[in-house]
Amino acid sequence: MQETKTKLKYCLYARKSTESDERQALSIESQVKEMLQIAEKEELDIVDIRRESKSAKDSNNRPVFKELLEDISSGRFNAILTWAPDRLSRNAGDLGSLVDLMDQKQLLGIRTYSQTFSNSPNEKFLLMILCSQAKLENDNRGINVKRGLRTRVEMGLWPGPAPTGYLKEKRTDRKCQCLIDPDRAPVIKQMFEKVAYEKWSGRKIYHWLKFDLNFRTAAGKKHLSLGNIYRILENHFYYGSFEYPKKSSNWYQGKHEPIITKELFDQVQEQVKDSKLIRTGDAKEFAFTKIMKCGLCSSGISATEKWKKQKNGPPKRHVYYGCTKAKDKHCKCGYISERELIKQLKDHIDTLNFKQHPMKDKIKDEVKRFKKFQKMLLNTTTPVSVEDIDIQNYAKFLLQEGSVEEQRELVGCLRGEVVLEKKKVFMKN
């Protein structure tokens, strides 16, 4: 009896549907307009209007709806005005939250365009049926979509966006059909041929596409990244087969026209595999590659390892650092040996004030640890003050003899950005 006397304070909640079969549903502003007309006609007290575009398919996916429930719990309003029950919930979790608020008598009513739900057993039951029906439609839609995709791939049709070199057929009676892109397919074929026959690297392909051909994708109209190039070179789709879904081991023979042969694809895989072994499998860790940039074109700095034979003794190792030329293939940065690089870094260390340097505490802790070890090993009690240690010299020692991690951490702590320009190292603040 008390519930009927309580004045209802409404929050108008409008959510745009994102489901494909509801594309003709009212937009958010149309919903708001219609519901405000009902509120004016029935003299409903609208405290606030909330708009949301997130889907109600998954629970805890709508921040505005979550705030709505919190405001109901706090007593800001006790009723909801919305276009239809499925705007509030299409999943069991959100539906349970609404019903719980009604059971606690915090949510006293829900008004839709054609129905009213109060805190009574029959009307709450009807609300649950309507929202559960919306969830059932969601579940069935997912099953139908998967079945449709499975049917298409069994027909040899690729259901996703067309790979570079192909275009999607726009006819509704031939969905998912991939057609040869006359502008880009020949370039894709040349990419495979250059890797297979001329042993081109991915980086060389990248420069060729970007700077020589100004090659761009059909959809995004962007240059291909190095990662995209390797994904193209490893894509079975170009010789006629494809796997769907990815990593499912379900292979299908495509209905599309191949751009390359299976033999050419296999030849490229051998070349790419060898290249990847060099790049990633047994890749060397170089101390200064990830903490420097080219001072001319702002590309990263790469390192190469060379072994030179000696008349007497084993081959001698040499490491050289230089610009990757990712942003300018004609960059004139030049290469510098690791020995000369360390020498120049040592010169910069002489100019640093380690009393304010973040590496100082770490170096002191390391020296303390070494002194403890020395005391235990030699069984000596002679105290050595850490303050007497020359921090600059210890930092130089790390640059010369430290591990890759120690060298990288030390240089990373230097103030400013470390750049390499024409075989010279500079510190830029």
Protein backbone atom coordinates (compact mmCIF):
# COMPACT_ATOMS: atom_id res chain seq x y z
CA MET A 1 0.00 0.00 0.00
CA GLN A 2 2.87 2.31 0.86
CA GLU A 3 4.50 1.60 -2.52
CA THR A 4 1.56 3.08 -4.48
CA LYS A 5 1.76 6.31 -2.50
CA THR A 6 5.47 6.84 -3.12
CA LYS A 7 6.10 9.38 -5.85
CA LEU A 8 7.95 7.85 -8.78
CA LYS A 9 11.08 9.68 -9.87
CA TYR A 10 12.08 8.51 -13.33
CA CYS A 11 15.38 8.25 -15.12
CA LEU A 12 14.92 8.16 -18.90
CA TYR A 13 17.35 5.56 -20.26
CA ALA A 14 17.96 5.35 -24.01
CA ARG A 15 20.29 2.82 -25.60
CA LYS A 16 21.09 2.44 -29.26
CA SER A 17 20.83 -1.14 -30.39
CA THR A 18 23.91 -2.61 -32.05
CA GLU A 19 22.36 -5.91 -33.18
CA SER A 20 22.17 -6.38 -36.94
CA ASP A 21 18.49 -7.26 -37.10
CA GLU A 22 17.57 -4.03 -35.31
CA ARG A 23 19.25 -1.56 -37.62
CA GLN A 24 15.89 0.01 -38.36
CA ALA A 25 15.14 0.59 -34.67
CA LEU A 26 14.76 4.09 -33.35
CA SER A 27 17.93 6.05 -32.75
CA ILE A 28 18.79 7.30 -29.27
CA GLU A 29 17.46 10.80 -29.86
CA SER A 30 14.27 9.43 -31.41
CA GLN A 31 13.76 7.28 -28.32
CA VAL A 32 14.31 10.26 -26.06
CA LYS A 33 11.83 12.35 -28.05
CA GLU A 34 9.11 9.68 -27.98
CA MET A 35 9.55 8.92 -24.28
CA LEU A 36 9.52 12.61 -23.32
CA GLN A 37 6.18 12.93 -25.08
CA ILE A 38 4.84 10.05 -22.97
CA ALA A 39 6.28 11.66 -19.83
CA GLU A 40 4.58 14.96 -20.66
CA LYS A 41 1.27 13.27 -21.45
CA GLU A 42 1.24 11.18 -18.26
CA GLU A 43 2.92 13.86 -16.10
CA LEU A 44 5.87 11.67 -15.17
CA ASP A 45 8.66 13.23 -13.09
CA ILE A 46 11.86 12.89 -15.16
CA VAL A 47 14.87 13.46 -12.91
CA ASP A 48 17.59 12.66 -15.44
CA ILE A 49 18.20 11.41 -18.98
CA ARG A 50 20.89 8.84 -19.68
CA ARG A 51 22.12 7.84 -23.13
CA GLU A 52 24.29 4.83 -23.97
CA SER A 53 25.54 3.15 -27.13
CA LYS A 54 27.09 0.03 -25.57
CA SER A 55 25.50 -3.35 -26.26
CA ALA A 56 23.39 -5.01 -23.56
CA LYS A 57 24.45 -8.45 -24.74
CA ASP A 58 27.16 -8.87 -22.09
CA SER A 59 26.92 -8.15 -18.38
CA ASN A 60 29.00 -5.31 -16.86
CA ASN A 61 29.64 -3.87 -20.32
CA ARG A 62 27.66 -0.64 -19.93
CA PRO A 63 29.11 2.07 -17.67
CA VAL A 64 26.02 4.31 -17.98
CA PHE A 65 23.69 1.48 -17.02
CA LYS A 66 25.93 0.66 -14.06
CA GLU A 67 25.70 4.28 -12.88
CA LEU A 68 21.94 4.07 -13.31
CA LEU A 69 21.73 1.09 -10.93
CA GLU A 70 23.99 2.85 -8.42
CA ASP A 71 21.80 5.97 -8.48
CA ILE A 72 18.71 3.84 -7.89
CA SER A 73 20.42 2.20 -4.89
CA SER A 74 21.33 5.64 -3.51
CA GLY A 75 17.72 6.82 -3.86
CA ARG A 76 18.25 9.48 -6.52
CA PHE A 77 15.38 7.98 -8.51
CA ASN A 78 13.19 4.90 -8.15
CA ALA A 79 11.78 4.29 -11.62
CA ILE A 80 13.01 3.86 -15.19
CA LEU A 81 11.48 5.12 -18.42
CA THR A 82 12.81 3.33 -21.50
CA TRP A 83 11.71 2.36 -25.01
CA ALA A 84 11.50 -1.43 -24.49
CA PRO A 85 12.57 -4.05 -21.90
CA ASP A 86 15.42 -5.25 -24.11
CA ARG A 87 16.99 -1.80 -23.88
CA LEU A 88 17.62 -2.54 -20.21
CA SER A 89 18.83 -6.11 -20.42
CA ARG A 90 19.69 -8.83 -22.89
CA ASN A 91 21.64 -10.93 -20.39
CA ALA A 92 20.89 -12.71 -17.13
CA GLY A 93 23.29 -10.67 -15.01
CA ASP A 94 21.74 -7.24 -15.67
CA LEU A 95 18.24 -8.69 -15.46
CA GLY A 96 19.05 -10.12 -12.02
CA SER A 97 20.30 -6.70 -10.86
CA LEU A 98 17.03 -5.06 -11.91
CA VAL A 99 14.87 -7.69 -10.22
CA ASP A 100 16.98 -7.50 -7.03
CA LEU A 101 16.40 -3.73 -6.86
CA MET A 102 12.66 -4.31 -7.31
CA ASP A 103 12.66 -6.95 -4.54
CA GLN A 104 14.44 -4.47 -2.26
CA LYS A 105 11.76 -1.89 -3.11
CA GLN A 106 14.37 0.52 -4.43
CA LEU A 107 13.17 0.20 -8.03
CA LEU A 108 9.39 0.70 -7.93
CA GLY A 109 8.52 0.79 -11.59
CA ILE A 110 9.67 0.42 -15.19
CA ARG A 111 7.72 2.21 -17.90
CA THR A 112 8.20 1.34 -21.59
CA TYR A 113 6.51 2.64 -24.71
CA SER A 114 3.66 0.13 -24.45
CA GLN A 115 3.94 -1.50 -21.00
CA THR A 116 4.33 -0.78 -17.30
CA PHE A 117 6.10 -3.07 -14.84
CA SER A 118 5.58 -2.51 -11.13
CA ASN A 119 6.94 -4.37 -8.13
CA SER A 120 4.34 -7.14 -8.28
CA PRO A 121 5.05 -10.87 -8.82
CA ASN A 122 3.13 -11.11 -12.11
CA GLU A 123 4.65 -8.02 -13.70
CA LYS A 124 8.18 -8.90 -12.57
CA PHE A 125 7.67 -12.36 -14.05
CA LEU A 126 6.53 -10.84 -17.35
CA LEU A 127 9.58 -8.53 -17.33
CA MET A 128 11.87 -11.52 -16.83
CA ILE A 129 10.18 -13.40 -19.68
CA LEU A 130 10.59 -10.49 -22.11
CA CYS A 131 14.25 -9.92 -21.19
CA SER A 132 14.96 -13.67 -21.30
CA GLN A 133 13.40 -13.76 -24.75
CA ALA A 134 15.86 -11.05 -25.83
CA LYS A 135 18.73 -13.17 -24.46
CA LEU A 136 17.40 -16.20 -26.34
CA GLU A 137 17.41 -14.15 -29.55
CA ASN A 138 21.03 -13.16 -28.88
CA ASP A 139 22.08 -16.76 -28.30
CA ASN A 140 20.29 -18.00 -31.41
CA ARG A 141 21.77 -15.19 -33.46
CA GLY A 142 25.28 -16.25 -32.43
CA ILE A 143 24.56 -19.86 -33.39
CA ASN A 144 23.09 -18.79 -36.73
CA VAL A 145 26.07 -16.55 -37.51
CA LYS A 146 28.55 -19.36 -36.77
CA ARG A 147 26.53 -21.77 -38.88
CA GLY A 148 26.46 -19.27 -41.74
CA LEU A 149 30.22 -18.72 -41.54
CA ARG A 150 30.85 -22.46 -41.45
CA THR A 151 28.68 -22.92 -44.55
CA ARG A 152 30.57 -20.20 -46.41
CA VAL A 153 34.05 -21.54 -45.65
CA GLU A 154 32.93 -25.03 -46.69
CA MET A 155 31.97 -23.44 -50.01
CA GLY A 156 35.50 -22.06 -50.26
CA LEU A 157 34.52 -18.46 -49.46
CA TRP A 158 36.65 -16.32 -47.13
CA PRO A 159 34.32 -14.67 -44.54
CA GLY A 160 36.68 -11.91 -43.38
CA PRO A 161 38.05 -8.77 -45.03
CA ALA A 162 39.81 -9.45 -48.33
CA PRO A 163 43.60 -9.83 -47.97
CA THR A 164 45.75 -7.23 -49.71
CA GLY A 165 45.75 -8.11 -53.40
CA TYR A 166 42.07 -9.05 -53.41
CA LEU A 167 38.77 -7.15 -53.38
CA LYS A 168 35.46 -8.30 -51.94
CA GLU A 169 32.58 -8.87 -54.38
CA LYS A 170 29.88 -6.30 -53.59
CA ARG A 171 26.97 -8.25 -55.06
CA THR A 172 24.53 -9.46 -52.39
CA ASP A 173 24.08 -12.82 -54.14
CA ARG A 174 27.85 -13.48 -54.03
CA LYS A 175 28.84 -12.51 -50.50
CA CYS A 176 32.38 -13.31 -49.32
CA GLN A 177 33.61 -13.82 -52.89
CA CYS A 178 37.18 -12.49 -53.26
CA LEU A 179 38.22 -11.08 -56.60
CA ILE A 180 41.71 -10.30 -57.86
CA ASP A 181 42.71 -6.67 -57.29
CA PRO A 182 44.21 -5.71 -60.69
CA ASP A 183 46.30 -2.91 -59.16
CA ARG A 184 47.78 -4.73 -56.17
CA ALA A 185 47.82 -8.44 -57.02
CA PRO A 186 50.80 -8.13 -59.42
CA VAL A 187 52.80 -6.37 -56.69
CA ILE A 188 51.95 -9.11 -54.18
CA LYS A 189 53.20 -11.70 -56.67
CA GLN A 190 56.42 -9.74 -57.15
CA MET A 191 56.92 -9.68 -53.36
CA PHE A 192 56.91 -13.48 -53.24
CA GLU A 193 59.19 -13.73 -56.29
CA LYS A 194 61.74 -11.26 -54.93
CA VAL A 195 61.95 -13.14 -51.62
CA ALA A 196 62.11 -16.58 -53.27
CA TYR A 197 64.41 -15.87 -56.22
CA GLU A 198 66.38 -12.77 -55.25
CA LYS A 199 66.56 -13.51 -51.49
CA TRP A 200 65.17 -10.12 -50.51
CA SER A 201 64.63 -9.48 -46.81
CA GLY A 202 61.41 -8.16 -45.32
CA ARG A 203 63.13 -4.82 -44.68
CA LYS A 204 64.15 -4.54 -48.34
CA ILE A 205 60.60 -5.36 -49.43
CA TYR A 206 59.34 -2.67 -47.04
CA HIS A 207 61.57 0.03 -48.57
CA TRP A 208 60.72 -1.09 -52.09
CA LEU A 209 56.98 -0.88 -51.46
CA LYS A 210 57.06 2.40 -49.56
CA PHE A 211 59.69 4.47 -51.32
CA ASP A 212 59.91 3.03 -54.83
CA LEU A 213 56.27 2.09 -55.49
CA ASN A 214 54.41 4.14 -52.86
CA PHE A 215 52.28 1.01 -52.44
CA ARG A 216 49.15 1.44 -50.32
CA THR A 217 46.34 -0.85 -49.18
CA ALA A 218 42.92 -0.64 -50.82
CA ALA A 219 40.88 -0.26 -47.61
CA GLY A 220 43.04 1.82 -45.29
CA LYS A 221 45.07 3.47 -48.05
CA LYS A 222 48.12 3.05 -45.82
CA HIS A 223 51.63 1.76 -46.41
CA LEU A 224 52.26 -1.82 -45.35
CA SER A 225 54.20 -2.18 -42.11
CA LEU A 226 57.04 -4.68 -41.80
CA GLY A 227 54.76 -6.93 -39.73
CA ASN A 228 52.06 -6.83 -42.43
CA ILE A 229 54.62 -7.80 -45.05
CA TYR A 230 55.63 -10.92 -43.13
CA ARG A 231 51.97 -11.81 -42.55
CA ILE A 232 51.36 -11.59 -46.31
CA LEU A 233 54.39 -13.77 -47.05
CA GLU A 234 53.09 -16.40 -44.61
CA ASN A 235 49.45 -16.31 -45.78
CA HIS A 236 48.34 -19.56 -47.49
CA PHE A 237 45.38 -17.71 -49.00
CA TYR A 238 47.51 -16.44 -51.87
CA TYR A 239 47.99 -19.92 -53.36
CA GLY A 240 44.36 -20.97 -52.79
CA SER A 241 43.98 -22.48 -49.29
CA PHE A 242 43.01 -20.95 -45.96
CA GLU A 243 42.54 -21.94 -42.33
CA TYR A 244 39.39 -20.89 -40.48
CA PRO A 245 39.28 -20.01 -37.67
CA LYS A 246 42.95 -19.19 -37.21
CA LYS A 247 44.96 -21.92 -35.45
CA SER A 248 42.00 -24.31 -35.63
CA SER A 249 43.69 -26.74 -38.08
CA ASN A 250 40.52 -26.57 -40.21
CA TRP A 251 41.73 -26.05 -43.77
CA TYR A 252 39.61 -25.25 -46.81
CA GLN A 253 40.25 -24.96 -50.53
CA GLY A 254 39.34 -21.45 -51.57
CA LYS A 255 37.08 -20.60 -54.46
CA HIS A 256 39.15 -17.51 -55.26
CA GLU A 257 41.80 -17.27 -57.98
CA PRO A 258 45.32 -17.84 -56.59
CA ILE A 259 47.94 -15.13 -57.08
CA ILE A 260 50.93 -17.47 -56.66
CA THR A 261 51.63 -21.20 -56.87
CA LYS A 262 52.06 -23.56 -53.94
CA GLU A 263 55.67 -24.18 -55.02
CA LEU A 264 56.49 -20.46 -54.90
CA PHE A 265 54.85 -20.16 -51.47
CA ASP A 266 56.89 -23.08 -50.07
CA GLN A 267 60.09 -21.57 -51.45
CA VAL A 268 59.30 -18.28 -49.72
CA GLN A 269 58.65 -20.06 -46.42
CA GLU A 270 62.12 -21.57 -46.49
CA GLN A 271 63.63 -18.14 -47.06
CA VAL A 272 61.46 -16.49 -44.38
CA LYS A 273 62.24 -19.30 -41.95
CA ASP A 274 65.98 -18.83 -42.40
CA SER A 275 65.56 -15.08 -42.00
CA LYS A 276 63.53 -15.52 -38.82
CA LEU A 277 66.16 -17.80 -37.35
CA ILE A 278 68.63 -14.97 -37.75
CA ARG A 279 66.21 -12.31 -36.49
CA THR A 280 64.58 -14.09 -33.58
CA GLY A 281 65.61 -17.68 -33.00
CA ASP A 282 69.24 -17.21 -32.04
CA ALA A 283 69.17 -13.43 -32.05
CA LYS A 284 71.99 -11.76 -30.20
CA GLU A 285 71.26 -9.28 -27.46
CA PHE A 286 73.06 -6.00 -28.01
CA ALA A 287 73.31 -3.55 -25.15
CA PHE A 288 72.71 -0.26 -26.93
CA THR A 289 70.15 -0.99 -29.67
CA LYS A 290 66.99 -0.21 -27.69
CA ILE A 291 68.13 2.94 -25.95
CA MET A 292 69.41 5.04 -28.87
CA LYS A 293 67.87 6.74 -31.87
CA CYS A 294 69.25 8.07 -35.10
CA GLY A 295 69.88 11.80 -34.81
CA LEU A 296 69.17 12.36 -38.52
CA CYS A 297 65.90 10.52 -39.23
CA SER A 298 64.73 9.37 -35.73
CA SER A 299 64.76 5.69 -36.74
CA GLY A 300 65.91 3.04 -34.29
CA ILE A 301 69.49 1.82 -34.00
CA SER A 302 70.37 -1.74 -34.99
CA ALA A 303 73.54 -3.74 -34.45
CA THR A 304 75.40 -6.26 -36.59
CA GLU A 305 78.00 -8.80 -35.50
CA LYS A 306 81.06 -9.52 -37.62
CA TRP A 307 83.79 -12.12 -37.15
CA LYS A 308 87.19 -11.42 -38.65
CA LYS A 309 89.77 -14.12 -39.14
CA GLN A 310 93.21 -13.66 -37.62
CA LYS A 311 96.49 -15.14 -38.70
CA ASN A 312 97.06 -16.48 -35.23
CA GLY A 313 94.24 -17.39 -32.89
CA PRO A 314 90.47 -17.68 -33.17
CA PRO A 315 88.28 -15.22 -35.15
CA LYS A 316 87.75 -11.86 -33.44
CA ARG A 317 84.28 -10.52 -32.78
CA HIS A 318 83.30 -6.99 -33.83
CA VAL A 319 79.94 -5.27 -33.25
CA TYR A 320 78.80 -2.26 -35.27
CA TYR A 321 75.84 0.04 -34.57
CA GLY A 322 73.95 2.01 -37.19
CA CYS A 323 70.58 3.42 -38.25
CA THR A 324 67.85 0.93 -39.24
CA LYS A 325 66.79 3.41 -41.98
CA ALA A 326 63.16 2.56 -41.27
CA LYS A 327 62.09 6.17 -41.82
CA ASP A 328 64.64 7.14 -44.46
CA LYS A 329 66.35 4.49 -46.55
CA HIS A 330 68.93 7.06 -47.68
CA CYS A 331 69.94 8.07 -44.14
CA LYS A 332 73.63 9.00 -43.85
CA CYS A 333 74.02 8.18 -40.14
CA GLY A 334 76.90 5.76 -40.70
CA TYR A 335 78.13 2.87 -38.54
CA ILE A 336 80.19 2.97 -35.37
CA SER A 337 82.02 0.10 -33.67
CA GLU A 338 80.94 -0.92 -30.19
CA ARG A 339 84.42 -0.17 -28.91
CA GLU A 340 84.26 3.43 -30.16
CA LEU A 341 80.67 3.77 -28.94
CA ILE A 342 81.65 2.76 -25.40
CA LYS A 343 84.60 5.15 -25.53
CA GLN A 344 82.31 8.07 -26.40
CA LEU A 345 79.80 7.06 -23.72
CA LYS A 346 82.61 7.08 -21.15
CA ASP A 347 83.39 10.65 -22.14
CA HIS A 348 79.78 11.61 -21.43
CA ILE A 349 79.91 9.91 -18.02
CA ASP A 350 82.75 12.26 -17.02
CA THR A 351 80.34 15.19 -17.42
CA LEU A 352 77.61 13.71 -15.19
CA ASN A 353 76.99 14.62 -11.57
CA PHE A 354 76.40 11.22 -9.99
CA LYS A 355 75.39 12.75 -6.67
CA GLN A 356 72.07 13.52 -8.33
CA HIS A 357 72.07 10.55 -10.70
CA PRO A 358 69.46 7.77 -10.25
CA MET A 359 72.15 5.13 -10.86
CA LYS A 360 74.15 6.24 -7.83
CA ASP A 361 72.18 4.26 -5.23
CA LYS A 362 72.26 1.11 -7.33
CA ILE A 363 76.03 1.38 -7.77
CA LYS A 364 76.51 1.92 -4.01
CA ASP A 365 74.38 -1.11 -3.20
CA GLU A 366 76.42 -3.21 -5.62
CA VAL A 367 79.70 -2.03 -4.05
CA LYS A 368 78.37 -2.81 -0.56
CA ARG A 369 77.44 -6.31 -1.69
CA PHE A 370 80.90 -6.84 -3.16
CA LYS A 371 82.59 -5.63 0.05
CA LYS A 372 80.57 -8.08 2.13
CA PHE A 373 81.60 -10.87 -0.21
CA GLN A 374 85.24 -9.74 -0.02
CA LYS A 375 85.10 -9.67 3.79
CA MET A 376 83.71 -13.21 3.97
CA LEU A 377 86.16 -14.55 1.39
CA LEU A 378 89.31 -12.99 2.85
CA ASN A 379 88.16 -13.09 6.48
CA THR A 380 89.18 -9.47 6.91
CA THR A 381 87.70 -6.89 9.23
CA THR A 382 89.19 -3.83 7.52
CA PRO A 383 86.29 -1.41 6.90
CA VAL A 384 86.03 0.22 3.50
CA SER A 385 83.89 3.31 3.10
CA VAL A 386 81.55 3.27 0.14
CA GLU A 387 81.91 7.05 -0.04
CA ASP A 388 85.54 6.52 -1.11
CA ILE A 389 84.44 4.68 -4.26
CA ASP A 390 84.82 6.60 -7.52
CA ILE A 391 81.29 6.29 -8.98
CA GLN A 392 82.36 7.56 -12.39
CA ASN A 393 85.04 4.88 -12.71
CA TYR A 394 82.67 2.17 -11.57
CA ALA A 395 80.13 3.29 -14.21
CA LYS A 396 82.87 3.13 -16.85
CA PHE A 397 83.70 -0.36 -15.65
CA LEU A 398 80.07 -1.40 -16.18
CA LEU A 399 80.12 0.03 -19.70
CA GLN A 400 83.28 -1.93 -20.50
CA GLU A 401 82.81 -5.18 -18.60
CA GLY A 402 79.18 -5.27 -17.44
CA SER A 403 76.45 -7.55 -18.71
CA VAL A 404 74.09 -6.47 -21.49
CA GLU A 405 71.41 -5.70 -18.89
CA GLU A 406 73.82 -3.62 -16.76
CA GLN A 407 75.09 -1.67 -19.75
CA ARG A 408 71.56 -1.01 -21.00
CA GLU A 409 70.31 0.06 -17.57
CA LEU A 410 73.25 2.40 -17.04
CA VAL A 411 72.82 4.16 -20.40
CA GLY A 412 69.07 4.25 -19.90
CA CYS A 413 69.60 6.24 -16.69
CA LEU A 414 71.57 8.97 -18.43
CA ARG A 415 69.77 12.29 -18.52
CA GLY A 416 68.27 13.09 -21.91
CA GLU A 417 68.02 11.02 -25.07
CA VAL A 418 71.03 9.20 -26.50
CA VAL A 419 71.32 9.72 -30.27
CA LEU A 420 73.77 8.49 -32.86
CA GLU A 421 74.58 10.87 -35.70
CA LYS A 422 77.33 10.40 -38.27
CA LYS A 423 79.32 8.06 -36.02
CA LYS A 424 79.05 10.44 -33.06
CA VAL A 425 77.10 9.97 -29.83
CA PHE A 426 75.17 12.94 -28.45
CA MET A 427 73.00 13.57 -25.40
CA LYS A 428 69.82 15.52 -26.17
CA ASN A 429 67.76 16.92 -23.30
